[in-house]
């Protein structure tokens, strides 16, 4: 949770608006691509450009029976905004 909390607010909002479903795989891992240049300056910015160098983040979601991975991820990100 600490590492996700270092993302810039605009990046968190972009994640929520762009749809979490495409970022979560069948093993309930959330995948993010963080702009490496921004990261080296202390900013956690989501990379939307495929040509930039990125740091890839992979986060395991703790999902219990009756929950969906998207609901859990949405709850995490909404708590960060």
N, C-alpha and C. Protein backbone atom coordinates (compact mmCIF):
# COMPACT_ATOMS: atom_id res chain seq x y z
N UNK A 1 0.83 -1.18 0.00
CA UNK A 1 0.00 0.00 0.00
C UNK A 1 0.88 1.25 0.00
N UNK A 2 1.99 1.21 0.72
CA UNK A 2 2.87 2.36 0.79
C UNK A 2 3.38 2.76 -0.59
N UNK A 3 3.80 1.79 -1.38
CA UNK A 3 4.35 2.11 -2.70
C UNK A 3 3.28 2.68 -3.63
N UNK A 4 2.05 2.18 -3.55
CA UNK A 4 0.98 2.74 -4.37
C UNK A 4 0.63 4.15 -3.93
N UNK A 5 0.80 4.44 -2.67
CA UNK A 5 0.52 5.77 -2.13
C UNK A 5 1.49 6.83 -2.63
N UNK A 6 2.59 6.41 -3.22
CA UNK A 6 3.57 7.36 -3.75
C UNK A 6 3.24 7.82 -5.17
N UNK A 7 2.20 7.24 -5.75
CA UNK A 7 1.76 7.67 -7.09
C UNK A 7 1.17 9.08 -7.01
N UNK A 8 1.38 9.85 -8.05
CA UNK A 8 0.79 11.19 -8.14
C UNK A 8 -0.73 11.06 -8.24
N UNK A 9 -1.42 12.06 -7.69
CA UNK A 9 -2.89 12.04 -7.69
C UNK A 9 -3.46 11.91 -9.10
N UNK A 10 -2.88 12.62 -10.06
CA UNK A 10 -3.36 12.56 -11.44
C UNK A 10 -3.20 11.15 -12.02
N UNK A 11 -2.16 10.44 -11.61
CA UNK A 11 -1.96 9.06 -12.09
C UNK A 11 -3.00 8.12 -11.48
N UNK A 12 -3.31 8.33 -10.21
CA UNK A 12 -4.32 7.50 -9.55
C UNK A 12 -5.68 7.72 -10.22
N UNK A 13 -6.00 8.98 -10.50
CA UNK A 13 -7.26 9.28 -11.17
C UNK A 13 -7.30 8.68 -12.57
N UNK A 14 -6.18 8.70 -13.28
CA UNK A 14 -6.10 8.09 -14.62
C UNK A 14 -6.34 6.58 -14.54
N UNK A 15 -5.78 5.94 -13.54
CA UNK A 15 -5.98 4.50 -13.36
C UNK A 15 -7.47 4.21 -13.15
N UNK A 16 -8.12 5.00 -12.30
CA UNK A 16 -9.54 4.79 -12.03
C UNK A 16 -10.40 5.05 -13.27
N UNK A 17 -10.05 6.06 -14.05
CA UNK A 17 -10.84 6.41 -15.23
C UNK A 17 -10.61 5.47 -16.41
N UNK A 18 -9.39 4.96 -16.53
CA UNK A 18 -9.06 4.13 -17.70
C UNK A 18 -9.57 2.70 -17.59
N UNK A 19 -10.03 2.32 -16.41
CA UNK A 19 -10.56 0.97 -16.24
C UNK A 19 -9.53 0.03 -15.63
N UNK A 20 -9.85 -0.46 -14.48
CA UNK A 20 -8.93 -1.35 -13.77
C UNK A 20 -8.89 -2.75 -14.35
N UNK A 21 -9.96 -3.16 -15.01
CA UNK A 21 -10.06 -4.52 -15.52
C UNK A 21 -8.89 -4.91 -16.40
N UNK A 22 -8.45 -3.98 -17.22
CA UNK A 22 -7.36 -4.28 -18.16
C UNK A 22 -6.01 -4.36 -17.47
N UNK A 23 -5.92 -3.91 -16.24
CA UNK A 23 -4.65 -3.92 -15.49
C UNK A 23 -4.53 -5.11 -14.54
N UNK A 24 -5.59 -5.89 -14.41
CA UNK A 24 -5.58 -7.02 -13.47
C UNK A 24 -5.61 -8.33 -14.26
N UNK A 25 -4.67 -9.23 -13.95
CA UNK A 25 -4.62 -10.49 -14.68
C UNK A 25 -5.42 -11.58 -13.96
N UNK A 26 -5.43 -12.77 -14.53
CA UNK A 26 -6.23 -13.88 -13.98
C UNK A 26 -5.73 -14.38 -12.64
N UNK A 27 -4.51 -14.01 -12.25
CA UNK A 27 -3.95 -14.41 -10.96
C UNK A 27 -4.11 -13.32 -9.91
N UNK A 28 -4.91 -12.31 -10.24
CA UNK A 28 -5.23 -11.18 -9.36
C UNK A 28 -4.02 -10.31 -9.05
N UNK A 29 -3.15 -10.14 -10.06
CA UNK A 29 -2.04 -9.20 -9.96
C UNK A 29 -2.44 -7.92 -10.69
N UNK A 30 -2.19 -6.78 -10.07
CA UNK A 30 -2.40 -5.48 -10.69
C UNK A 30 -1.09 -5.04 -11.32
N UNK A 31 -1.14 -4.66 -12.59
CA UNK A 31 0.07 -4.27 -13.33
C UNK A 31 0.04 -2.77 -13.65
N UNK A 32 1.15 -2.09 -13.33
CA UNK A 32 1.30 -0.67 -13.63
C UNK A 32 2.63 -0.43 -14.30
N UNK A 33 2.68 0.60 -15.14
CA UNK A 33 3.93 1.03 -15.78
C UNK A 33 4.20 2.46 -15.35
N UNK A 34 5.27 2.67 -14.62
CA UNK A 34 5.62 3.97 -14.07
C UNK A 34 6.74 4.58 -14.90
N UNK A 35 6.59 5.84 -15.27
CA UNK A 35 7.58 6.56 -16.06
C UNK A 35 8.90 6.62 -15.30
N UNK A 36 9.95 6.05 -15.86
CA UNK A 36 11.24 5.95 -15.19
C UNK A 36 11.91 7.31 -15.01
N UNK A 37 11.79 8.20 -15.98
CA UNK A 37 12.38 9.53 -15.87
C UNK A 37 11.73 10.31 -14.72
N UNK A 38 10.41 10.24 -14.63
CA UNK A 38 9.70 10.92 -13.54
C UNK A 38 10.04 10.28 -12.20
N UNK A 39 10.15 8.97 -12.19
CA UNK A 39 10.47 8.25 -10.97
C UNK A 39 11.85 8.64 -10.43
N UNK A 40 12.79 8.86 -11.34
CA UNK A 40 14.14 9.25 -10.90
C UNK A 40 14.14 10.66 -10.30
N UNK A 41 13.09 11.44 -10.57
CA UNK A 41 12.95 12.77 -9.97
C UNK A 41 12.02 12.75 -8.76
N UNK A 42 11.64 11.55 -8.32
CA UNK A 42 10.82 11.42 -7.13
C UNK A 42 9.32 11.51 -7.37
N UNK A 43 8.89 11.42 -8.63
CA UNK A 43 7.46 11.51 -8.95
C UNK A 43 6.95 10.15 -9.44
N UNK A 44 5.84 9.75 -8.91
CA UNK A 44 5.22 8.49 -9.35
C UNK A 44 4.18 8.76 -10.41
N UNK A 45 4.60 8.82 -11.66
CA UNK A 45 3.68 9.12 -12.76
C UNK A 45 3.47 7.89 -13.63
N UNK A 46 2.23 7.62 -13.92
CA UNK A 46 1.86 6.52 -14.79
C UNK A 46 2.35 6.78 -16.20
N UNK A 47 2.91 5.79 -16.85
CA UNK A 47 3.36 5.94 -18.23
C UNK A 47 2.29 5.44 -19.18
N UNK A 48 1.89 6.30 -20.09
CA UNK A 48 0.91 5.93 -21.10
C UNK A 48 1.55 5.77 -22.47
N UNK A 49 2.79 6.19 -22.58
CA UNK A 49 3.53 6.14 -23.83
C UNK A 49 4.37 4.87 -23.89
N UNK A 50 4.20 4.08 -24.89
CA UNK A 50 4.93 2.81 -25.01
C UNK A 50 6.40 2.99 -25.37
N UNK A 51 6.79 4.21 -25.78
CA UNK A 51 8.17 4.45 -26.19
C UNK A 51 9.06 4.94 -25.06
N UNK A 52 8.49 5.26 -23.89
CA UNK A 52 9.32 5.72 -22.78
C UNK A 52 9.81 4.54 -21.96
N UNK A 53 10.91 4.77 -21.26
CA UNK A 53 11.43 3.74 -20.36
C UNK A 53 10.57 3.73 -19.11
N UNK A 54 10.25 2.53 -18.63
CA UNK A 54 9.34 2.40 -17.49
C UNK A 54 9.89 1.45 -16.43
N UNK A 55 9.37 1.62 -15.24
CA UNK A 55 9.54 0.65 -14.17
C UNK A 55 8.19 -0.07 -14.09
N UNK A 56 8.22 -1.37 -14.15
CA UNK A 56 6.97 -2.13 -14.11
C UNK A 56 6.66 -2.52 -12.68
N UNK A 57 5.42 -2.25 -12.29
CA UNK A 57 4.96 -2.62 -10.95
C UNK A 57 3.95 -3.74 -11.04
N UNK A 58 4.08 -4.69 -10.15
CA UNK A 58 3.17 -5.84 -10.11
C UNK A 58 2.76 -6.02 -8.67
N UNK A 59 1.47 -5.88 -8.39
CA UNK A 59 0.96 -5.90 -7.03
C UNK A 59 -0.08 -7.00 -6.88
N UNK A 60 0.12 -7.88 -5.92
CA UNK A 60 -0.84 -8.96 -5.67
C UNK A 60 -1.99 -8.42 -4.84
N UNK A 61 -3.21 -8.61 -5.33
CA UNK A 61 -4.40 -8.15 -4.63
C UNK A 61 -4.90 -9.25 -3.70
N UNK A 62 -5.26 -8.86 -2.49
CA UNK A 62 -5.80 -9.81 -1.52
C UNK A 62 -7.32 -9.84 -1.70
N UNK A 63 -7.78 -10.88 -2.38
CA UNK A 63 -9.20 -10.98 -2.74
C UNK A 63 -9.79 -12.22 -2.07
N UNK A 64 -10.88 -12.01 -1.34
CA UNK A 64 -11.56 -13.09 -0.64
C UNK A 64 -12.80 -13.54 -1.42
N UNK A 65 -13.31 -14.74 -1.11
CA UNK A 65 -14.52 -15.21 -1.79
C UNK A 65 -15.65 -14.19 -1.65
N UNK A 66 -16.34 -13.95 -2.74
CA UNK A 66 -17.42 -12.98 -2.75
C UNK A 66 -16.96 -11.59 -3.17
N UNK A 67 -15.65 -11.39 -3.30
CA UNK A 67 -15.11 -10.10 -3.75
C UNK A 67 -14.59 -10.25 -5.17
N UNK A 68 -14.58 -9.15 -5.90
CA UNK A 68 -13.93 -9.17 -7.21
C UNK A 68 -12.62 -8.40 -7.09
N UNK A 69 -11.65 -8.77 -7.89
CA UNK A 69 -10.35 -8.11 -7.87
C UNK A 69 -10.49 -6.64 -8.21
N UNK A 70 -11.40 -6.31 -9.12
CA UNK A 70 -11.60 -4.91 -9.52
C UNK A 70 -12.17 -4.09 -8.36
N UNK A 71 -13.09 -4.67 -7.60
CA UNK A 71 -13.65 -3.96 -6.44
C UNK A 71 -12.56 -3.67 -5.41
N UNK A 72 -11.71 -4.65 -5.17
CA UNK A 72 -10.62 -4.48 -4.20
C UNK A 72 -9.66 -3.40 -4.67
N UNK A 73 -9.25 -3.45 -5.92
CA UNK A 73 -8.33 -2.45 -6.47
C UNK A 73 -8.96 -1.07 -6.45
N UNK A 74 -10.22 -0.96 -6.84
CA UNK A 74 -10.90 0.34 -6.84
C UNK A 74 -10.94 0.91 -5.42
N UNK A 75 -11.22 0.07 -4.45
CA UNK A 75 -11.26 0.51 -3.06
C UNK A 75 -9.90 1.06 -2.61
N UNK A 76 -8.84 0.37 -3.01
CA UNK A 76 -7.48 0.82 -2.66
C UNK A 76 -7.20 2.20 -3.26
N UNK A 77 -7.44 2.34 -4.56
CA UNK A 77 -7.14 3.60 -5.23
C UNK A 77 -8.03 4.74 -4.78
N UNK A 78 -9.30 4.46 -4.51
CA UNK A 78 -10.19 5.51 -4.01
C UNK A 78 -9.76 5.96 -2.62
N UNK A 79 -9.18 5.06 -1.84
CA UNK A 79 -8.66 5.42 -0.53
C UNK A 79 -7.41 6.30 -0.61
N UNK A 80 -6.73 6.26 -1.74
CA UNK A 80 -5.51 7.06 -1.93
C UNK A 80 -5.79 8.47 -2.43
N UNK A 81 -6.97 8.66 -3.03
CA UNK A 81 -7.30 9.97 -3.61
C UNK A 81 -7.74 10.91 -2.56
